[in-house]
Amino acid sequence: MYKTVRVREDTYKRLNELAARLREKLGRPVSMDEVIRRLLKSKRPSELAGAWEMSEEEEEEIREAIGRMRAKWRPRTA
């Protein structure tokens, strides 16, 4: 049984990029179903390494957010 799933255009683009990498790795065509199944069953972050391509601006935003969180952090005192 098949179902239709609606995703945003950017999500679809990322799924296609993952499908292309998987096709290259396996040397055969893969379906979106196979891509999604692999994503759902992956348990280790390393299995998704390289899956998220971000711009330099996105990277900088993340680094700044982490810096702000670290600046607020205080060690617990007993």
Protein backbone atom coordinates (compact mmCIF):
# COMPACT_ATOMS: atom_id res chain seq x y z
CA MET A 1 0.00 0.00 0.00
CA TYR A 2 1.34 3.43 -0.92
CA LYS A 3 0.51 6.82 0.58
CA THR A 4 1.14 10.35 -0.60
CA VAL A 5 3.22 12.55 1.69
CA ARG A 6 3.44 16.30 1.22
CA VAL A 7 6.77 17.95 1.95
CA ARG A 8 8.05 21.46 1.42
CA GLU A 9 10.10 22.10 -1.69
CA ASP A 10 13.36 22.50 0.26
CA THR A 11 12.73 19.19 2.04
CA TYR A 12 12.10 17.48 -1.29
CA LYS A 13 15.33 18.94 -2.66
CA ARG A 14 17.31 17.61 0.33
CA LEU A 15 15.71 14.18 -0.04
CA ASN A 16 16.70 14.18 -3.71
CA GLU A 17 20.27 15.10 -2.77
CA LEU A 18 20.37 12.22 -0.29
CA ALA A 19 18.91 9.90 -2.93
CA ALA A 20 21.66 10.92 -5.37
CA ARG A 21 24.35 10.15 -2.79
CA LEU A 22 22.74 6.82 -1.99
CA ARG A 23 22.49 5.93 -5.70
CA GLU A 24 26.16 6.75 -6.10
CA LYS A 25 27.10 4.69 -3.04
CA LEU A 26 24.98 1.66 -3.98
CA GLY A 27 25.48 1.89 -7.74
CA ARG A 28 21.77 1.44 -8.45
CA PRO A 29 18.55 3.45 -8.54
CA VAL A 30 16.85 4.11 -5.20
CA SER A 31 13.32 5.24 -4.43
CA MET A 32 12.29 8.03 -2.09
CA ASP A 33 10.77 5.30 0.07
CA GLU A 34 14.20 3.71 0.46
CA VAL A 35 15.79 7.07 1.30
CA ILE A 36 13.18 7.80 3.97
CA ARG A 37 13.37 4.27 5.41
CA ARG A 38 17.14 4.57 5.75
CA LEU A 39 16.78 7.93 7.47
CA LEU A 40 14.20 6.52 9.89
CA LYS A 41 16.26 3.49 10.82
CA SER A 42 19.61 5.27 11.18
CA LYS A 43 20.66 5.27 14.78
CA ARG A 44 24.06 6.88 14.60
CA PRO A 45 24.61 10.53 13.67
CA SER A 46 27.63 9.42 11.60
CA GLU A 47 25.21 7.70 9.21
CA LEU A 48 23.92 11.13 8.28
CA ALA A 49 27.34 12.79 8.04
CA GLY A 50 27.41 15.25 5.19
CA ALA A 51 23.65 15.16 4.73
CA TRP A 52 23.17 18.71 5.95
CA GLU A 53 24.74 21.26 3.69
CA MET A 54 24.57 24.72 5.16
CA SER A 55 25.61 28.14 4.03
CA GLU A 56 28.34 30.12 5.76
CA GLU A 57 25.62 32.39 7.15
CA GLU A 58 23.77 29.44 8.71
CA GLU A 59 27.01 28.14 10.20
CA GLU A 60 27.78 31.55 11.70
CA GLU A 61 24.26 31.82 13.17
CA ILE A 62 24.67 28.41 14.83
CA ARG A 63 28.11 29.26 16.18
CA GLU A 64 26.82 32.56 17.60
CA ALA A 65 23.84 30.82 19.23
CA ILE A 66 26.15 28.25 20.83
CA GLY A 67 28.41 31.06 22.05
CA ARG A 68 25.44 32.85 23.65
CA MET A 69 24.33 29.65 25.39
CA ARG A 70 27.85 28.97 26.66
CA ALA A 71 28.15 32.52 27.98
CA LYS A 72 24.98 32.02 30.07
CA TRP A 73 26.05 28.65 31.44
CA ARG A 74 27.25 28.53 35.01
CA PRO A 75 28.56 25.39 36.72
CA ARG A 76 26.48 24.01 39.54
CA THR A 77 27.70 24.64 43.03
CA ALA A 78 27.09 22.18 45.80
